[in-house]
Amino acid sequence: VHGYPVLINDEHLVQSAKQIASQILGTENVINLDIRMTSEDF
């Protein structure tokens, strides 16, 4: 039974969002995540 596909984050959007998050929370509170073998219908 085919489930959800691979989730691919757009590099430009991620970098822009990280900059915003860093301004709110501080760079030290913005974490670079590893890949996940869980899935999401996003």
All heavy atoms as atom14 arrays in JSON, in Angstrom:
{
  "sequence": "VHGYPVLINDEHLVQSAKQIASQILGTENVINLDIRMTSEDF",
  "atom14_mask": [
    [1, 1, 1, 1, 1, 1, 1, 0, 0, 0, 0, 0, 0, 0],
    [1, 1, 1, 1, 1, 1, 1, 1, 1, 1, 0, 0, 0, 0],
    [1, 1, 1, 1, 0, 0, 0, 0, 0, 0, 0, 0, 0, 0],
    [1, 1, 1, 1, 1, 1, 1, 1, 1, 1, 1, 1, 0, 0],
    [1, 1, 1, 1, 1, 1, 1, 0, 0, 0, 0, 0, 0, 0],
    [1, 1, 1, 1, 1, 1, 1, 0, 0, 0, 0, 0, 0, 0],
    [1, 1, 1, 1, 1, 1, 1, 1, 0, 0, 0, 0, 0, 0],
    [1, 1, 1, 1, 1, 1, 1, 1, 0, 0, 0, 0, 0, 0],
    [1, 1, 1, 1, 1, 1, 1, 1, 0, 0, 0, 0, 0, 0],
    [1, 1, 1, 1, 1, 1, 1, 1, 0, 0, 0, 0, 0, 0],
    [1, 1, 1, 1, 1, 1, 1, 1, 1, 0, 0, 0, 0, 0],
    [1, 1, 1, 1, 1, 1, 1, 1, 1, 1, 0, 0, 0, 0],
    [1, 1, 1, 1, 1, 1, 1, 1, 0, 0, 0, 0, 0, 0],
    [1, 1, 1, 1, 1, 1, 1, 0, 0, 0, 0, 0, 0, 0],
    [1, 1, 1, 1, 1, 1, 1, 1, 1, 0, 0, 0, 0, 0],
    [1, 1, 1, 1, 1, 1, 0, 0, 0, 0, 0, 0, 0, 0],
    [1, 1, 1, 1, 1, 0, 0, 0, 0, 0, 0, 0, 0, 0],
    [1, 1, 1, 1, 1, 1, 1, 1, 1, 0, 0, 0, 0, 0],
    [1, 1, 1, 1, 1, 1, 1, 1, 1, 0, 0, 0, 0, 0],
    [1, 1, 1, 1, 1, 1, 1, 1, 0, 0, 0, 0, 0, 0],
    [1, 1, 1, 1, 1, 0, 0, 0, 0, 0, 0, 0, 0, 0],
    [1, 1, 1, 1, 1, 1, 0, 0, 0, 0, 0, 0, 0, 0],
    [1, 1, 1, 1, 1, 1, 1, 1, 1, 0, 0, 0, 0, 0],
    [1, 1, 1, 1, 1, 1, 1, 1, 0, 0, 0, 0, 0, 0],
    [1, 1, 1, 1, 1, 1, 1, 1, 0, 0, 0, 0, 0, 0],
    [1, 1, 1, 1, 0, 0, 0, 0, 0, 0, 0, 0, 0, 0],
    [1, 1, 1, 1, 1, 1, 1, 0, 0, 0, 0, 0, 0, 0],
    [1, 1, 1, 1, 1, 1, 1, 1, 1, 0, 0, 0, 0, 0],
    [1, 1, 1, 1, 1, 1, 1, 1, 0, 0, 0, 0, 0, 0],
    [1, 1, 1, 1, 1, 1, 1, 0, 0, 0, 0, 0, 0, 0],
    [1, 1, 1, 1, 1, 1, 1, 1, 0, 0, 0, 0, 0, 0],
    [1, 1, 1, 1, 1, 1, 1, 1, 0, 0, 0, 0, 0, 0],
    [1, 1, 1, 1, 1, 1, 1, 1, 0, 0, 0, 0, 0, 0],
    [1, 1, 1, 1, 1, 1, 1, 1, 0, 0, 0, 0, 0, 0],
    [1, 1, 1, 1, 1, 1, 1, 1, 0, 0, 0, 0, 0, 0],
    [1, 1, 1, 1, 1, 1, 1, 1, 1, 1, 1, 0, 0, 0],
    [1, 1, 1, 1, 1, 1, 1, 1, 0, 0, 0, 0, 0, 0],
    [1, 1, 1, 1, 1, 1, 1, 0, 0, 0, 0, 0, 0, 0],
    [1, 1, 1, 1, 1, 1, 0, 0, 0, 0, 0, 0, 0, 0],
    [1, 1, 1, 1, 1, 1, 1, 1, 1, 0, 0, 0, 0, 0],
    [1, 1, 1, 1, 1, 1, 1, 1, 0, 0, 0, 0, 0, 0],
    [1, 1, 1, 1, 1, 1, 1, 1, 1, 1, 1, 0, 0, 0]
  ],
  "atom14_positions": [
    [[0.86, -1.19, 0.0], [0.0, 0.0, 0.0], [0.89, 1.23, 0.0], [1.61, 1.5, 0.96], [-0.94, 0.01, 1.23], [-1.8, 1.27, 1.22], [-1.8, -1.25, 1.25], [0.0, 0.0, 0.0], [0.0, 0.0, 0.0], [0.0, 0.0, 0.0], [0.0, 0.0, 0.0], [0.0, 0.0, 0.0], [0.0, 0.0, 0.0], [0.0, 0.0, 0.0]],
    [[0.83, 1.99, -1.1], [1.67, 3.17, -1.23], [1.23, 4.24, -0.24], [0.06, 4.64, -0.2], [1.57, 3.72, -2.66], [2.24, 2.85, -3.67], [3.15, 3.33, -4.58], [2.14, 1.53, -3.92], [3.57, 2.34, -5.34], [2.97, 1.23, -4.96], [0.0, 0.0, 0.0], [0.0, 0.0, 0.0], [0.0, 0.0, 0.0], [0.0, 0.0, 0.0]],
    [[2.18, 4.7, 0.55], [1.91, 5.74, 1.53], [2.45, 7.07, 1.1], [2.38, 7.44, -0.08], [0.0, 0.0, 0.0], [0.0, 0.0, 0.0], [0.0, 0.0, 0.0], [0.0, 0.0, 0.0], [0.0, 0.0, 0.0], [0.0, 0.0, 0.0], [0.0, 0.0, 0.0], [0.0, 0.0, 0.0], [0.0, 0.0, 0.0], [0.0, 0.0, 0.0]],
    [[3.03, 7.81, 2.03], [3.48, 9.16, 1.76], [4.82, 9.17, 1.05], [5.67, 8.3, 1.28], [3.58, 9.95, 3.07], [2.3, 9.95, 3.87], [2.3, 10.07, 5.25], [1.06, 9.79, 3.24], [1.13, 10.07, 5.98], [-0.12, 9.79, 3.96], [-0.09, 9.92, 5.33], [-1.25, 9.9, 6.05], [0.0, 0.0, 0.0], [0.0, 0.0, 0.0]],
    [[5.06, 10.15, 0.19], [6.34, 10.22, -0.51], [7.43, 10.84, 0.36], [7.2, 11.2, 1.53], [6.02, 11.14, -1.71], [4.93, 12.04, -1.2], [4.11, 11.19, -0.25], [0.0, 0.0, 0.0], [0.0, 0.0, 0.0], [0.0, 0.0, 0.0], [0.0, 0.0, 0.0], [0.0, 0.0, 0.0], [0.0, 0.0, 0.0], [0.0, 0.0, 0.0]],
    [[8.61, 10.95, -0.19], [9.73, 11.61, 0.49], [9.42, 13.09, 0.67], [8.91, 13.75, -0.24], [11.03, 11.44, -0.33], [12.18, 12.22, 0.3], [11.39, 9.96, -0.46], [0.0, 0.0, 0.0], [0.0, 0.0, 0.0], [0.0, 0.0, 0.0], [0.0, 0.0, 0.0], [0.0, 0.0, 0.0], [0.0, 0.0, 0.0], [0.0, 0.0, 0.0]],
    [[9.72, 13.61, 1.85], [9.51, 15.03, 2.12], [10.8, 15.78, 1.84], [11.85, 15.48, 2.43], [9.07, 15.25, 3.57], [8.52, 16.64, 3.95], [7.6, 16.54, 5.15], [9.63, 17.65, 4.21], [0.0, 0.0, 0.0], [0.0, 0.0, 0.0], [0.0, 0.0, 0.0], [0.0, 0.0, 0.0], [0.0, 0.0, 0.0], [0.0, 0.0, 0.0]],
    [[10.72, 16.76, 0.95], [11.9, 17.52, 0.54], [11.69, 18.99, 0.88], [10.75, 19.62, 0.39], [12.16, 17.36, -0.97], [12.29, 15.87, -1.34], [13.41, 18.13, -1.39], [12.35, 15.61, -2.83], [0.0, 0.0, 0.0], [0.0, 0.0, 0.0], [0.0, 0.0, 0.0], [0.0, 0.0, 0.0], [0.0, 0.0, 0.0], [0.0, 0.0, 0.0]],
    [[12.55, 19.52, 1.72], [12.48, 20.93, 2.1], [13.27, 21.79, 1.12], [14.41, 21.45, 0.75], [13.03, 21.14, 3.51], [11.99, 20.89, 4.59], [10.8, 21.08, 4.36], [12.44, 20.46, 5.76], [0.0, 0.0, 0.0], [0.0, 0.0, 0.0], [0.0, 0.0, 0.0], [0.0, 0.0, 0.0], [0.0, 0.0, 0.0], [0.0, 0.0, 0.0]],
    [[12.68, 22.9, 0.73], [13.32, 23.84, -0.18], [14.41, 24.63, 0.55], [14.17, 25.22, 1.61], [12.27, 24.81, -0.74], [12.86, 25.82, -1.69], [13.07, 25.47, -2.86], [13.13, 26.96, -1.25], [0.0, 0.0, 0.0], [0.0, 0.0, 0.0], [0.0, 0.0, 0.0], [0.0, 0.0, 0.0], [0.0, 0.0, 0.0], [0.0, 0.0, 0.0]],
    [[15.61, 24.62, 0.0], [16.75, 25.23, 0.69], [16.54, 26.72, 0.93], [16.86, 27.24, 2.02], [18.03, 25.0, -0.13], [19.27, 25.55, 0.55], [20.55, 25.22, -0.21], [20.47, 24.49, -1.22], [21.63, 25.7, 0.22], [0.0, 0.0, 0.0], [0.0, 0.0, 0.0], [0.0, 0.0, 0.0], [0.0, 0.0, 0.0], [0.0, 0.0, 0.0]],
    [[16.03, 27.44, -0.05], [15.83, 28.88, 0.09], [14.83, 29.19, 1.19], [15.07, 30.07, 2.04], [15.37, 29.49, -1.23], [14.97, 30.93, -1.12], [15.86, 31.93, -0.86], [13.74, 31.51, -1.21], [15.21, 33.1, -0.8], [13.94, 32.86, -1.01], [0.0, 0.0, 0.0], [0.0, 0.0, 0.0], [0.0, 0.0, 0.0], [0.0, 0.0, 0.0]],
    [[13.7, 28.49, 1.2], [12.69, 28.74, 2.22], [13.2, 28.39, 3.61], [12.93, 29.1, 4.58], [11.42, 27.94, 1.91], [10.64, 28.31, 0.66], [9.37, 27.47, 0.57], [10.3, 29.79, 0.62], [0.0, 0.0, 0.0], [0.0, 0.0, 0.0], [0.0, 0.0, 0.0], [0.0, 0.0, 0.0], [0.0, 0.0, 0.0], [0.0, 0.0, 0.0]],
    [[13.95, 27.28, 3.71], [14.49, 26.88, 5.01], [15.46, 27.93, 5.53], [15.4, 28.33, 6.71], [15.19, 25.51, 4.91], [16.01, 25.22, 6.17], [14.15, 24.41, 4.7], [0.0, 0.0, 0.0], [0.0, 0.0, 0.0], [0.0, 0.0, 0.0], [0.0, 0.0, 0.0], [0.0, 0.0, 0.0], [0.0, 0.0, 0.0], [0.0, 0.0, 0.0]],
    [[16.37, 28.42, 4.69], [17.34, 29.41, 5.13], [16.66, 30.7, 5.55], [17.04, 31.33, 6.55], [18.37, 29.67, 4.02], [19.28, 28.5, 3.74], [19.99, 27.98, 4.99], [20.52, 28.76, 5.79], [20.0, 26.66, 5.16], [0.0, 0.0, 0.0], [0.0, 0.0, 0.0], [0.0, 0.0, 0.0], [0.0, 0.0, 0.0], [0.0, 0.0, 0.0]],
    [[15.63, 31.11, 4.83], [14.9, 32.32, 5.18], [14.19, 32.14, 6.52], [14.21, 33.03, 7.38], [13.88, 32.66, 4.08], [14.53, 32.93, 2.86], [0.0, 0.0, 0.0], [0.0, 0.0, 0.0], [0.0, 0.0, 0.0], [0.0, 0.0, 0.0], [0.0, 0.0, 0.0], [0.0, 0.0, 0.0], [0.0, 0.0, 0.0], [0.0, 0.0, 0.0]],
    [[13.56, 30.97, 6.71], [12.86, 30.7, 7.97], [13.83, 30.61, 9.14], [13.53, 31.08, 10.25], [12.05, 29.41, 7.84], [0.0, 0.0, 0.0], [0.0, 0.0, 0.0], [0.0, 0.0, 0.0], [0.0, 0.0, 0.0], [0.0, 0.0, 0.0], [0.0, 0.0, 0.0], [0.0, 0.0, 0.0], [0.0, 0.0, 0.0], [0.0, 0.0, 0.0]],
    [[15.0, 30.03, 8.92], [16.01, 29.93, 9.98], [16.47, 31.31, 10.43], [16.7, 31.54, 11.62], [17.21, 29.11, 9.49], [16.98, 27.61, 9.45], [18.18, 26.87, 8.91], [19.35, 26.9, 9.87], [20.47, 26.05, 9.38], [0.0, 0.0, 0.0], [0.0, 0.0, 0.0], [0.0, 0.0, 0.0], [0.0, 0.0, 0.0], [0.0, 0.0, 0.0]],
    [[16.61, 32.22, 9.48], [17.03, 33.58, 9.83], [15.99, 34.24, 10.72], [16.33, 34.91, 11.71], [17.25, 34.4, 8.56], [18.48, 34.0, 7.77], [18.65, 34.82, 6.5], [17.92, 35.76, 6.25], [19.63, 34.44, 5.69], [0.0, 0.0, 0.0], [0.0, 0.0, 0.0], [0.0, 0.0, 0.0], [0.0, 0.0, 0.0], [0.0, 0.0, 0.0]],
    [[14.71, 34.06, 10.39], [13.64, 34.62, 11.21], [13.67, 34.01, 12.6], [13.59, 34.7, 13.61], [12.28, 34.39, 10.54], [12.2, 35.14, 9.22], [11.14, 34.8, 11.47], [12.36, 36.63, 9.34], [0.0, 0.0, 0.0], [0.0, 0.0, 0.0], [0.0, 0.0, 0.0], [0.0, 0.0, 0.0], [0.0, 0.0, 0.0], [0.0, 0.0, 0.0]],
    [[13.78, 32.68, 12.65], [13.8, 31.99, 13.94], [14.99, 32.44, 14.79], [14.87, 32.59, 16.01], [13.84, 30.48, 13.72], [0.0, 0.0, 0.0], [0.0, 0.0, 0.0], [0.0, 0.0, 0.0], [0.0, 0.0, 0.0], [0.0, 0.0, 0.0], [0.0, 0.0, 0.0], [0.0, 0.0, 0.0], [0.0, 0.0, 0.0], [0.0, 0.0, 0.0]],
    [[16.13, 32.67, 14.15], [17.31, 33.12, 14.88], [17.1, 34.49, 15.5], [17.57, 34.78, 16.61], [18.53, 33.14, 13.96], [18.85, 31.84, 13.5], [0.0, 0.0, 0.0], [0.0, 0.0, 0.0], [0.0, 0.0, 0.0], [0.0, 0.0, 0.0], [0.0, 0.0, 0.0], [0.0, 0.0, 0.0], [0.0, 0.0, 0.0], [0.0, 0.0, 0.0]],
    [[16.38, 35.35, 14.78], [16.09, 36.69, 15.3], [15.17, 36.62, 16.51], [15.3, 37.41, 17.45], [15.45, 37.54, 14.2], [16.37, 37.87, 13.04], [15.65, 38.51, 11.87], [14.52, 38.99, 12.01], [16.28, 38.52, 10.72], [0.0, 0.0, 0.0], [0.0, 0.0, 0.0], [0.0, 0.0, 0.0], [0.0, 0.0, 0.0], [0.0, 0.0, 0.0]],
    [[14.26, 35.65, 16.51], [13.31, 35.52, 17.62], [13.94, 34.83, 18.82], [13.81, 35.29, 19.96], [12.07, 34.71, 17.17], [11.38, 35.37, 15.97], [11.09, 34.53, 18.32], [10.32, 34.47, 15.33], [0.0, 0.0, 0.0], [0.0, 0.0, 0.0], [0.0, 0.0, 0.0], [0.0, 0.0, 0.0], [0.0, 0.0, 0.0], [0.0, 0.0, 0.0]],
    [[14.64, 33.73, 18.58], [15.07, 32.84, 19.65], [16.57, 32.87, 19.93], [17.01, 32.36, 20.95], [14.67, 31.4, 19.31], [13.17, 31.16, 19.08], [12.95, 29.76, 18.53], [12.39, 31.37, 20.36], [0.0, 0.0, 0.0], [0.0, 0.0, 0.0], [0.0, 0.0, 0.0], [0.0, 0.0, 0.0], [0.0, 0.0, 0.0], [0.0, 0.0, 0.0]],
    [[17.33, 33.45, 19.0], [18.78, 33.39, 19.11], [19.33, 32.22, 18.32], [18.72, 31.15, 18.29], [0.0, 0.0, 0.0], [0.0, 0.0, 0.0], [0.0, 0.0, 0.0], [0.0, 0.0, 0.0], [0.0, 0.0, 0.0], [0.0, 0.0, 0.0], [0.0, 0.0, 0.0], [0.0, 0.0, 0.0], [0.0, 0.0, 0.0], [0.0, 0.0, 0.0]],
    [[20.47, 32.42, 17.7], [21.05, 31.39, 16.84], [21.29, 30.09, 17.59], [21.13, 28.99, 17.02], [22.39, 31.89, 16.25], [22.18, 33.12, 15.57], [22.97, 30.86, 15.28], [0.0, 0.0, 0.0], [0.0, 0.0, 0.0], [0.0, 0.0, 0.0], [0.0, 0.0, 0.0], [0.0, 0.0, 0.0], [0.0, 0.0, 0.0], [0.0, 0.0, 0.0]],
    [[21.63, 30.19, 18.86], [21.93, 28.99, 19.64], [20.7, 28.1, 19.85], [20.83, 26.92, 20.22], [22.52, 29.37, 21.0], [21.56, 30.05, 21.97], [21.38, 31.54, 21.72], [21.88, 32.05, 20.69], [20.74, 32.2, 22.57], [0.0, 0.0, 0.0], [0.0, 0.0, 0.0], [0.0, 0.0, 0.0], [0.0, 0.0, 0.0], [0.0, 0.0, 0.0]],
    [[19.52, 28.64, 19.63], [18.28, 27.88, 19.83], [17.64, 27.42, 18.51], [16.52, 26.93, 18.51], [17.28, 28.7, 20.62], [17.73, 28.9, 22.06], [18.14, 27.97, 22.72], [17.67, 30.15, 22.53], [0.0, 0.0, 0.0], [0.0, 0.0, 0.0], [0.0, 0.0, 0.0], [0.0, 0.0, 0.0], [0.0, 0.0, 0.0], [0.0, 0.0, 0.0]],
    [[18.37, 27.6, 17.43], [17.93, 27.12, 16.12], [18.81, 25.93, 15.76], [20.01, 26.08, 15.53], [17.99, 28.22, 15.06], [17.57, 27.67, 13.69], [17.1, 29.39, 15.45], [0.0, 0.0, 0.0], [0.0, 0.0, 0.0], [0.0, 0.0, 0.0], [0.0, 0.0, 0.0], [0.0, 0.0, 0.0], [0.0, 0.0, 0.0], [0.0, 0.0, 0.0]],
    [[18.22, 24.75, 15.72], [18.96, 23.49, 15.63], [18.95, 22.97, 14.19], [17.92, 23.01, 13.5], [18.33, 22.44, 16.57], [18.39, 22.94, 18.02], [19.02, 21.09, 16.43], [17.55, 22.12, 18.97], [0.0, 0.0, 0.0], [0.0, 0.0, 0.0], [0.0, 0.0, 0.0], [0.0, 0.0, 0.0], [0.0, 0.0, 0.0], [0.0, 0.0, 0.0]],
    [[20.12, 22.49, 13.75], [20.2, 21.81, 12.47], [19.86, 20.33, 12.68], [20.57, 19.63, 13.4], [21.61, 21.95, 11.87], [21.92, 23.38, 11.48], [21.1, 24.06, 10.9], [23.12, 23.83, 11.82], [0.0, 0.0, 0.0], [0.0, 0.0, 0.0], [0.0, 0.0, 0.0], [0.0, 0.0, 0.0], [0.0, 0.0, 0.0], [0.0, 0.0, 0.0]],
    [[18.79, 19.88, 12.08], [18.27, 18.54, 12.32], [18.88, 17.51, 11.38], [19.29, 17.83, 10.26], [16.75, 18.54, 12.13], [15.94, 19.46, 13.04], [14.48, 19.45, 12.61], [16.07, 19.02, 14.5], [0.0, 0.0, 0.0], [0.0, 0.0, 0.0], [0.0, 0.0, 0.0], [0.0, 0.0, 0.0], [0.0, 0.0, 0.0], [0.0, 0.0, 0.0]],
    [[18.9, 16.27, 11.82], [19.25, 15.14, 10.96], [18.02, 14.72, 10.17], [16.88, 15.11, 10.47], [19.74, 13.96, 11.8], [21.07, 14.25, 12.48], [21.88, 15.01, 11.91], [21.28, 13.73, 13.6], [0.0, 0.0, 0.0], [0.0, 0.0, 0.0], [0.0, 0.0, 0.0], [0.0, 0.0, 0.0], [0.0, 0.0, 0.0], [0.0, 0.0, 0.0]],
    [[18.23, 13.88, 9.16], [17.1, 13.3, 8.44], [16.31, 12.39, 9.37], [16.83, 11.92, 10.39], [17.57, 12.51, 7.19], [18.48, 11.35, 7.6], [18.25, 13.43, 6.2], [18.78, 10.4, 6.46], [0.0, 0.0, 0.0], [0.0, 0.0, 0.0], [0.0, 0.0, 0.0], [0.0, 0.0, 0.0], [0.0, 0.0, 0.0], [0.0, 0.0, 0.0]],
    [[15.06, 12.14, 9.02], [14.19, 11.28, 9.83], [13.59, 10.19, 8.95], [13.17, 10.47, 7.81], [13.05, 12.09, 10.45], [13.49, 13.15, 11.44], [12.29, 13.95, 11.93], [11.33, 13.12, 12.64], [11.32, 12.95, 13.95], [12.23, 13.54, 14.71], [10.41, 12.19, 14.53], [0.0, 0.0, 0.0], [0.0, 0.0, 0.0], [0.0, 0.0, 0.0]],
    [[13.52, 8.97, 9.49], [12.89, 7.88, 8.75], [11.39, 7.79, 9.02], [10.72, 6.9, 8.5], [13.58, 6.56, 9.08], [15.04, 6.5, 8.68], [15.37, 6.98, 6.96], [14.59, 5.61, 6.08], [0.0, 0.0, 0.0], [0.0, 0.0, 0.0], [0.0, 0.0, 0.0], [0.0, 0.0, 0.0], [0.0, 0.0, 0.0], [0.0, 0.0, 0.0]],
    [[10.88, 8.71, 9.83], [9.43, 8.83, 9.96], [8.89, 9.53, 8.71], [9.65, 10.07, 7.9], [9.06, 9.63, 11.22], [9.78, 10.87, 11.21], [9.42, 8.85, 12.48], [0.0, 0.0, 0.0], [0.0, 0.0, 0.0], [0.0, 0.0, 0.0], [0.0, 0.0, 0.0], [0.0, 0.0, 0.0], [0.0, 0.0, 0.0], [0.0, 0.0, 0.0]],
    [[7.57, 9.54, 8.58], [6.97, 10.12, 7.37], [5.88, 11.1, 7.76], [5.37, 11.1, 8.88], [6.41, 9.03, 6.46], [5.39, 8.31, 7.12], [0.0, 0.0, 0.0], [0.0, 0.0, 0.0], [0.0, 0.0, 0.0], [0.0, 0.0, 0.0], [0.0, 0.0, 0.0], [0.0, 0.0, 0.0], [0.0, 0.0, 0.0], [0.0, 0.0, 0.0]],
    [[5.48, 11.92, 6.8], [4.5, 12.99, 7.01], [3.79, 13.27, 5.7], [4.43, 13.35, 4.66], [5.23, 14.27, 7.46], [4.78, 14.86, 8.76], [3.44, 15.6, 8.7], [2.95, 15.84, 7.59], [2.92, 15.94, 9.77], [0.0, 0.0, 0.0], [0.0, 0.0, 0.0], [0.0, 0.0, 0.0], [0.0, 0.0, 0.0], [0.0, 0.0, 0.0]],
    [[2.46, 13.45, 5.76], [1.78, 13.7, 4.5], [1.97, 15.13, 4.0], [1.55, 15.46, 2.89], [0.3, 13.3, 4.56], [-0.62, 14.34, 5.15], [-0.15, 15.21, 5.91], [-1.83, 14.28, 4.85], [0.0, 0.0, 0.0], [0.0, 0.0, 0.0], [0.0, 0.0, 0.0], [0.0, 0.0, 0.0], [0.0, 0.0, 0.0], [0.0, 0.0, 0.0]],
    [[2.65, 15.98, 4.78], [3.09, 17.28, 4.26], [3.96, 17.08, 3.03], [4.07, 17.98, 2.18], [3.87, 18.03, 5.35], [4.18, 19.47, 5.02], [3.28, 20.48, 5.33], [5.38, 19.81, 4.43], [3.58, 21.81, 5.04], [5.69, 21.14, 4.13], [4.78, 22.14, 4.44], [0.0, 0.0, 0.0], [0.0, 0.0, 0.0], [0.0, 0.0, 0.0]]
  ]
}
